[in-house]
Amino acid sequence: MNLEIIFNQFPVLSSAELVLNKIEESHLDELFGIYSNDKVFEYCGIIPKHNKAAVSNMIGHFERDYGKRSRIKWGIFAAGDETRLLGIIEACEFNQKVNMVTIGYFLAEAEWGKGIASHAVEILVDFLFKQADINRIQGEVMLLNEPSKQVLLKNGFMKEGMLRQAALWSGKGVVDLEIYSILQEDYIAVRQ
């Protein structure tokens, strides 16, 4: 695991369609639009925020977590238009002993169903395997969150099973989660 490539300087990731970049104060309106939408967090362990000042403070929390090397959140932007935030993707729970990381993502409701989450995950997985030399990437999904499961399956993740009453998620209580993962060897095998 090469954490320096992640935490030495904020990595900007891109493809022809999307850019994953730092979320700045200038993105506050879109960030508030995402975090204040109850539908966006229906299947997430995040409580929606209906106070713009609280969402503004979160931008500082993103920076703090990055500085502590515990989590990195990228804003998802259309290539050529990094003024409009489409969603957020993150890597967290870096386990150096096992060389594993957990990812999560969510989009503004207006961007659902356009393939944006799938493509953002593709960009992130490529970076984590090829540059950060991670061995295992996993995602935890609430049982009813079919769209998120499809994003992971489309990117080569395998469903490993269900973790029964295994996590305490804010606003949801103790929940069952399905766990999906992809190993670096799986990723390489598919791309040869």
C-alpha atoms as a PDB file:
ATOM      1  CA  MET A   1       0.000   0.000   0.000  1.00  0.00           C
ATOM      2  CA  ASN A   2       1.459   3.319  -1.079  1.00  0.00           C
ATOM      3  CA  LEU A   3      -0.258   5.912   1.099  1.00  0.00           C
ATOM      4  CA  GLU A   4       2.189   8.601  -0.045  1.00  0.00           C
ATOM      5  CA  ILE A   5       0.597   8.655  -3.506  1.00  0.00           C
ATOM      6  CA  ILE A   6      -2.749   9.339  -1.810  1.00  0.00           C
ATOM      7  CA  PHE A   7      -1.827  11.634   1.068  1.00  0.00           C
ATOM      8  CA  ASN A   8       1.373  13.419   0.040  1.00  0.00           C
ATOM      9  CA  GLN A   9      -0.452  15.669  -2.413  1.00  0.00           C
ATOM     10  CA  PHE A  10      -4.182  15.549  -3.162  1.00  0.00           C
ATOM     11  CA  PRO A  11      -4.498  13.262  -6.207  1.00  0.00           C
ATOM     12  CA  VAL A  12      -6.667  14.569  -9.052  1.00  0.00           C
ATOM     13  CA  LEU A  13      -8.052  11.640 -11.052  1.00  0.00           C
ATOM     14  CA  SER A  14      -9.630  11.959 -14.469  1.00  0.00           C
ATOM     15  CA  SER A  15     -10.927  10.340 -17.615  1.00  0.00           C
ATOM     16  CA  ALA A  16     -12.320  11.843 -20.796  1.00  0.00           C
ATOM     17  CA  GLU A  17     -15.726  12.190 -19.075  1.00  0.00           C
ATOM     18  CA  LEU A  18     -15.095  12.812 -15.366  1.00  0.00           C
ATOM     19  CA  VAL A  19     -12.679  14.503 -12.986  1.00  0.00           C
ATOM     20  CA  LEU A  20     -12.334  13.507  -9.333  1.00  0.00           C
ATOM     21  CA  ASN A  21     -10.960  16.528  -7.503  1.00  0.00           C
ATOM     22  CA  LYS A  22     -10.929  18.319  -4.166  1.00  0.00           C
ATOM     23  CA  ILE A  23     -14.201  19.769  -2.858  1.00  0.00           C
ATOM     24  CA  GLU A  24     -13.793  23.493  -2.208  1.00  0.00           C
ATOM     25  CA  GLU A  25     -15.906  26.178  -0.530  1.00  0.00           C
ATOM     26  CA  SER A  26     -16.994  27.274  -4.030  1.00  0.00           C
ATOM     27  CA  HIS A  27     -18.932  23.981  -4.285  1.00  0.00           C
ATOM     28  CA  LEU A  28     -21.009  24.711  -1.168  1.00  0.00           C
ATOM     29  CA  ASP A  29     -24.352  25.158  -2.965  1.00  0.00           C
ATOM     30  CA  GLU A  30     -24.095  21.801  -4.768  1.00  0.00           C
ATOM     31  CA  LEU A  31     -22.697  20.102  -1.654  1.00  0.00           C
ATOM     32  CA  PHE A  32     -25.637  21.411   0.385  1.00  0.00           C
ATOM     33  CA  GLY A  33     -28.013  20.210  -2.349  1.00  0.00           C
ATOM     34  CA  ILE A  34     -26.594  16.710  -1.978  1.00  0.00           C
ATOM     35  CA  TYR A  35     -26.365  16.588   1.820  1.00  0.00           C
ATOM     36  CA  SER A  36     -29.809  18.104   2.401  1.00  0.00           C
ATOM     37  CA  ASN A  37     -31.606  15.563   0.174  1.00  0.00           C
ATOM     38  CA  ASP A  38     -33.108  12.768   2.301  1.00  0.00           C
ATOM     39  CA  LYS A  39     -33.388  10.486  -0.755  1.00  0.00           C
ATOM     40  CA  VAL A  40     -29.620  10.588  -1.361  1.00  0.00           C
ATOM     41  CA  PHE A  41     -28.949   9.124   2.095  1.00  0.00           C
ATOM     42  CA  GLU A  42     -31.851   6.700   2.300  1.00  0.00           C
ATOM     43  CA  TYR A  43     -29.389   3.781   2.171  1.00  0.00           C
ATOM     44  CA  CYS A  44     -26.329   5.440   3.706  1.00  0.00           C
ATOM     45  CA  GLY A  45     -25.048   5.729   7.236  1.00  0.00           C
ATOM     46  CA  ILE A  46     -25.160   9.506   6.936  1.00  0.00           C
ATOM     47  CA  ILE A  47     -27.805  11.783   8.397  1.00  0.00           C
ATOM     48  CA  PRO A  48     -28.869  14.483   5.896  1.00  0.00           C
ATOM     49  CA  LYS A  49     -27.818  18.001   6.847  1.00  0.00           C
ATOM     50  CA  HIS A  50     -30.456  20.716   6.455  1.00  0.00           C
ATOM     51  CA  ASN A  51     -28.238  23.525   7.701  1.00  0.00           C
ATOM     52  CA  LYS A  52     -25.942  25.167   5.153  1.00  0.00           C
ATOM     53  CA  ALA A  53     -23.442  26.279   7.814  1.00  0.00           C
ATOM     54  CA  ALA A  54     -23.080  22.668   8.989  1.00  0.00           C
ATOM     55  CA  VAL A  55     -22.405  21.563   5.410  1.00  0.00           C
ATOM     56  CA  SER A  56     -19.858  24.356   5.028  1.00  0.00           C
ATOM     57  CA  ASN A  57     -18.074  23.053   8.142  1.00  0.00           C
ATOM     58  CA  MET A  58     -17.937  19.616   6.527  1.00  0.00           C
ATOM     59  CA  ILE A  59     -15.548  20.934   3.882  1.00  0.00           C
ATOM     60  CA  GLY A  60     -13.119  21.630   6.714  1.00  0.00           C
ATOM     61  CA  HIS A  61     -13.735  18.121   8.053  1.00  0.00           C
ATOM     62  CA  PHE A  62     -12.839  16.674   4.640  1.00  0.00           C
ATOM     63  CA  GLU A  63      -9.529  18.567   4.842  1.00  0.00           C
ATOM     64  CA  ARG A  64      -8.951  17.470   8.454  1.00  0.00           C
ATOM     65  CA  ASP A  65      -9.564  13.784   7.656  1.00  0.00           C
ATOM     66  CA  TYR A  66      -7.234  14.022   4.670  1.00  0.00           C
ATOM     67  CA  GLY A  67      -4.535  15.620   6.864  1.00  0.00           C
ATOM     68  CA  LYS A  68      -4.960  12.778   9.380  1.00  0.00           C
ATOM     69  CA  ARG A  69      -4.571  10.260   6.505  1.00  0.00           C
ATOM     70  CA  SER A  70      -7.825   8.564   7.521  1.00  0.00           C
ATOM     71  CA  ARG A  71     -10.118   9.380   4.589  1.00  0.00           C
ATOM     72  CA  ILE A  72     -10.089  11.102   1.235  1.00  0.00           C
ATOM     73  CA  LYS A  73     -13.193  12.536  -0.400  1.00  0.00           C
ATOM     74  CA  TRP A  74     -13.200  13.551  -4.024  1.00  0.00           C
ATOM     75  CA  GLY A  75     -15.842  15.650  -5.678  1.00  0.00           C
ATOM     76  CA  ILE A  76     -17.134  14.101  -8.908  1.00  0.00           C
ATOM     77  CA  PHE A  77     -17.199  16.621 -11.754  1.00  0.00           C
ATOM     78  CA  ALA A  78     -17.859  16.483 -15.495  1.00  0.00           C
ATOM     79  CA  ALA A  79     -14.597  16.902 -17.408  1.00  0.00           C
ATOM     80  CA  GLY A  80     -14.293  20.522 -18.456  1.00  0.00           C
ATOM     81  CA  ASP A  81     -16.760  21.767 -15.809  1.00  0.00           C
ATOM     82  CA  GLU A  82     -15.303  21.539 -12.324  1.00  0.00           C
ATOM     83  CA  THR A  83     -17.650  24.211 -11.047  1.00  0.00           C
ATOM     84  CA  ARG A  84     -20.672  21.871 -10.741  1.00  0.00           C
ATOM     85  CA  LEU A  85     -20.426  19.073  -8.187  1.00  0.00           C
ATOM     86  CA  LEU A  86     -22.185  15.897  -9.395  1.00  0.00           C
ATOM     87  CA  GLY A  87     -21.423  13.721  -6.403  1.00  0.00           C
ATOM     88  CA  ILE A  88     -18.831  12.481  -3.943  1.00  0.00           C
ATOM     89  CA  ILE A  89     -16.615   9.396  -3.863  1.00  0.00           C
ATOM     90  CA  GLU A  90     -14.350   8.423  -1.014  1.00  0.00           C
ATOM     91  CA  ALA A  91     -11.725   5.983   0.179  1.00  0.00           C
ATOM     92  CA  CYS A  92     -11.544   5.293   3.914  1.00  0.00           C
ATOM     93  CA  GLU A  93     -10.698   2.645   6.492  1.00  0.00           C
ATOM     94  CA  PHE A  94      -7.178   2.129   5.167  1.00  0.00           C
ATOM     95  CA  ASN A  95      -6.018  -1.172   6.655  1.00  0.00           C
ATOM     96  CA  GLN A  96      -2.280  -1.356   6.019  1.00  0.00           C
ATOM     97  CA  LYS A  97      -1.873  -4.779   7.678  1.00  0.00           C
ATOM     98  CA  VAL A  98      -4.237  -6.372   5.158  1.00  0.00           C
ATOM     99  CA  ASN A  99      -3.590  -3.820   2.373  1.00  0.00           C
ATOM    100  CA  MET A 100      -7.292  -3.038   2.077  1.00  0.00           C
ATOM    101  CA  VAL A 101      -9.491   0.029   1.718  1.00  0.00           C
ATOM    102  CA  THR A 102     -13.231   0.697   1.754  1.00  0.00           C
ATOM    103  CA  ILE A 103     -14.896   2.961  -0.798  1.00  0.00           C
ATOM    104  CA  GLY A 104     -18.217   4.784  -0.805  1.00  0.00           C
ATOM    105  CA  TYR A 105     -20.031   7.132  -3.167  1.00  0.00           C
ATOM    106  CA  PHE A 106     -23.213   9.113  -3.635  1.00  0.00           C
ATOM    107  CA  LEU A 107     -24.561  11.432  -6.296  1.00  0.00           C
ATOM    108  CA  ALA A 108     -26.867  14.406  -6.492  1.00  0.00           C
ATOM    109  CA  GLU A 109     -30.337  13.017  -7.221  1.00  0.00           C
ATOM    110  CA  ALA A 110     -30.450  14.773 -10.612  1.00  0.00           C
ATOM    111  CA  GLU A 111     -27.418  12.694 -11.687  1.00  0.00           C
ATOM    112  CA  TRP A 112     -28.834   9.253 -10.854  1.00  0.00           C
ATOM    113  CA  GLY A 113     -29.104   6.680 -13.628  1.00  0.00           C
ATOM    114  CA  LYS A 114     -26.511   8.276 -15.928  1.00  0.00           C
ATOM    115  CA  GLY A 115     -23.620   5.872 -15.260  1.00  0.00           C
ATOM    116  CA  ILE A 116     -21.675   8.539 -13.352  1.00  0.00           C
ATOM    117  CA  ALA A 117     -21.209   6.495 -10.157  1.00  0.00           C
ATOM    118  CA  SER A 118     -20.075   3.444 -12.138  1.00  0.00           C
ATOM    119  CA  HIS A 119     -17.530   5.476 -14.055  1.00  0.00           C
ATOM    120  CA  ALA A 120     -16.272   7.286 -10.916  1.00  0.00           C
ATOM    121  CA  VAL A 121     -15.769   3.915  -9.196  1.00  0.00           C
ATOM    122  CA  GLU A 122     -13.910   2.672 -12.278  1.00  0.00           C
ATOM    123  CA  ILE A 123     -11.529   5.661 -12.115  1.00  0.00           C
ATOM    124  CA  LEU A 124     -10.968   5.238  -8.370  1.00  0.00           C
ATOM    125  CA  VAL A 125     -10.413   1.469  -8.526  1.00  0.00           C
ATOM    126  CA  ASP A 126      -7.880   1.943 -11.326  1.00  0.00           C
ATOM    127  CA  PHE A 127      -5.979   4.501  -9.233  1.00  0.00           C
ATOM    128  CA  LEU A 128      -6.074   2.432  -6.031  1.00  0.00           C
ATOM    129  CA  PHE A 129      -4.784  -0.717  -7.729  1.00  0.00           C
ATOM    130  CA  LYS A 130      -2.294   0.742 -10.204  1.00  0.00           C
ATOM    131  CA  GLN A 131      -0.840   3.677  -8.304  1.00  0.00           C
ATOM    132  CA  ALA A 132      -1.584   3.130  -4.606  1.00  0.00           C
ATOM    133  CA  ASP A 133      -0.879  -0.615  -4.879  1.00  0.00           C
ATOM    134  CA  ILE A 134      -3.913  -1.605  -2.784  1.00  0.00           C
ATOM    135  CA  ASN A 135      -4.655  -5.341  -2.785  1.00  0.00           C
ATOM    136  CA  ARG A 136      -8.326  -5.353  -1.742  1.00  0.00           C
ATOM    137  CA  ILE A 137     -11.062  -2.765  -2.254  1.00  0.00           C
ATOM    138  CA  GLN A 138     -14.420  -3.296  -0.622  1.00  0.00           C
ATOM    139  CA  GLY A 139     -17.800  -1.629  -0.403  1.00  0.00           C
ATOM    140  CA  GLU A 140     -20.585  -2.148   2.111  1.00  0.00           C
ATOM    141  CA  VAL A 141     -24.142  -1.769   0.848  1.00  0.00           C
ATOM    142  CA  MET A 142     -27.517  -1.783   2.597  1.00  0.00           C
ATOM    143  CA  LEU A 143     -29.660  -4.690   1.408  1.00  0.00           C
ATOM    144  CA  LEU A 144     -32.262  -2.588  -0.427  1.00  0.00           C
ATOM    145  CA  ASN A 145     -29.739  -0.390  -2.259  1.00  0.00           C
ATOM    146  CA  GLU A 146     -29.891  -2.168  -5.627  1.00  0.00           C
ATOM    147  CA  PRO A 147     -28.398   0.706  -7.678  1.00  0.00           C
ATOM    148  CA  SER A 148     -25.252   0.726  -5.534  1.00  0.00           C
ATOM    149  CA  LYS A 149     -24.899  -3.046  -5.825  1.00  0.00           C
ATOM    150  CA  GLN A 150     -25.059  -2.717  -9.615  1.00  0.00           C
ATOM    151  CA  VAL A 151     -22.328  -0.053  -9.595  1.00  0.00           C
ATOM    152  CA  LEU A 152     -19.991  -2.439  -7.782  1.00  0.00           C
ATOM    153  CA  LEU A 153     -20.901  -5.503  -9.863  1.00  0.00           C
ATOM    154  CA  LYS A 154     -20.389  -3.527 -13.081  1.00  0.00           C
ATOM    155  CA  ASN A 155     -16.866  -2.747 -11.860  1.00  0.00           C
ATOM    156  CA  GLY A 156     -15.932  -6.377 -11.221  1.00  0.00           C
ATOM    157  CA  PHE A 157     -16.671  -6.536  -7.503  1.00  0.00           C
ATOM    158  CA  MET A 158     -17.979  -9.840  -6.140  1.00  0.00           C
ATOM    159  CA  LYS A 159     -20.675 -10.177  -3.525  1.00  0.00           C
ATOM    160  CA  GLU A 160     -19.073 -11.961  -0.596  1.00  0.00           C
ATOM    161  CA  GLY A 161     -22.125 -12.216   1.604  1.00  0.00           C
ATOM    162  CA  MET A 162     -24.173 -10.462   4.222  1.00  0.00           C
ATOM    163  CA  LEU A 163     -22.918  -9.072   7.495  1.00  0.00           C
ATOM    164  CA  ARG A 164     -25.912  -9.517   9.801  1.00  0.00           C
ATOM    165  CA  GLN A 165     -26.548  -6.701  12.277  1.00  0.00           C
ATOM    166  CA  ALA A 166     -22.896  -5.807  11.902  1.00  0.00           C
ATOM    167  CA  ALA A 167     -22.776  -2.024  11.727  1.00  0.00           C
ATOM    168  CA  LEU A 168     -24.204   0.953  13.548  1.00  0.00           C
ATOM    169  CA  TRP A 169     -25.106   3.517  10.899  1.00  0.00           C
ATOM    170  CA  SER A 170     -26.113   7.037  11.852  1.00  0.00           C
ATOM    171  CA  GLY A 171     -29.845   7.493  11.537  1.00  0.00           C
ATOM    172  CA  LYS A 172     -30.390   3.812  10.745  1.00  0.00           C
ATOM    173  CA  GLY A 173     -29.374   1.994  13.905  1.00  0.00           C
ATOM    174  CA  VAL A 174     -27.823  -1.458  13.678  1.00  0.00           C
ATOM    175  CA  VAL A 175     -28.072  -2.656  10.079  1.00  0.00           C
ATOM    176  CA  ASP A 176     -27.391  -5.667   7.892  1.00  0.00           C
ATOM    177  CA  LEU A 177     -24.902  -4.969   5.112  1.00  0.00           C
ATOM    178  CA  GLU A 178     -23.885  -6.828   1.998  1.00  0.00           C
ATOM    179  CA  ILE A 179     -20.150  -6.787   1.405  1.00  0.00           C
ATOM    180  CA  TYR A 180     -18.624  -6.590  -2.069  1.00  0.00           C
ATOM    181  CA  SER A 181     -14.937  -6.722  -2.923  1.00  0.00           C
ATOM    182  CA  ILE A 182     -12.426  -6.827  -5.705  1.00  0.00           C
ATOM    183  CA  LEU A 183      -8.820  -7.984  -5.405  1.00  0.00           C
ATOM    184  CA  GLN A 184      -5.932  -6.635  -7.407  1.00  0.00           C
ATOM    185  CA  GLU A 185      -5.453 -10.084  -9.005  1.00  0.00           C
ATOM    186  CA  ASP A 186      -9.124 -10.072 -10.138  1.00  0.00           C
ATOM    187  CA  TYR A 187      -8.662  -6.626 -11.643  1.00  0.00           C
ATOM    188  CA  ILE A 188      -5.476  -7.598 -13.495  1.00  0.00           C
ATOM    189  CA  ALA A 189      -6.989 -10.868 -14.799  1.00  0.00           C
ATOM    190  CA  VAL A 190      -9.943  -9.049 -16.353  1.00  0.00           C
ATOM    191  CA  ARG A 191      -7.732  -6.447 -18.051  1.00  0.00           C
ATOM    192  CA  GLN A 192      -5.226  -8.846 -19.684  1.00  0.00           C
END
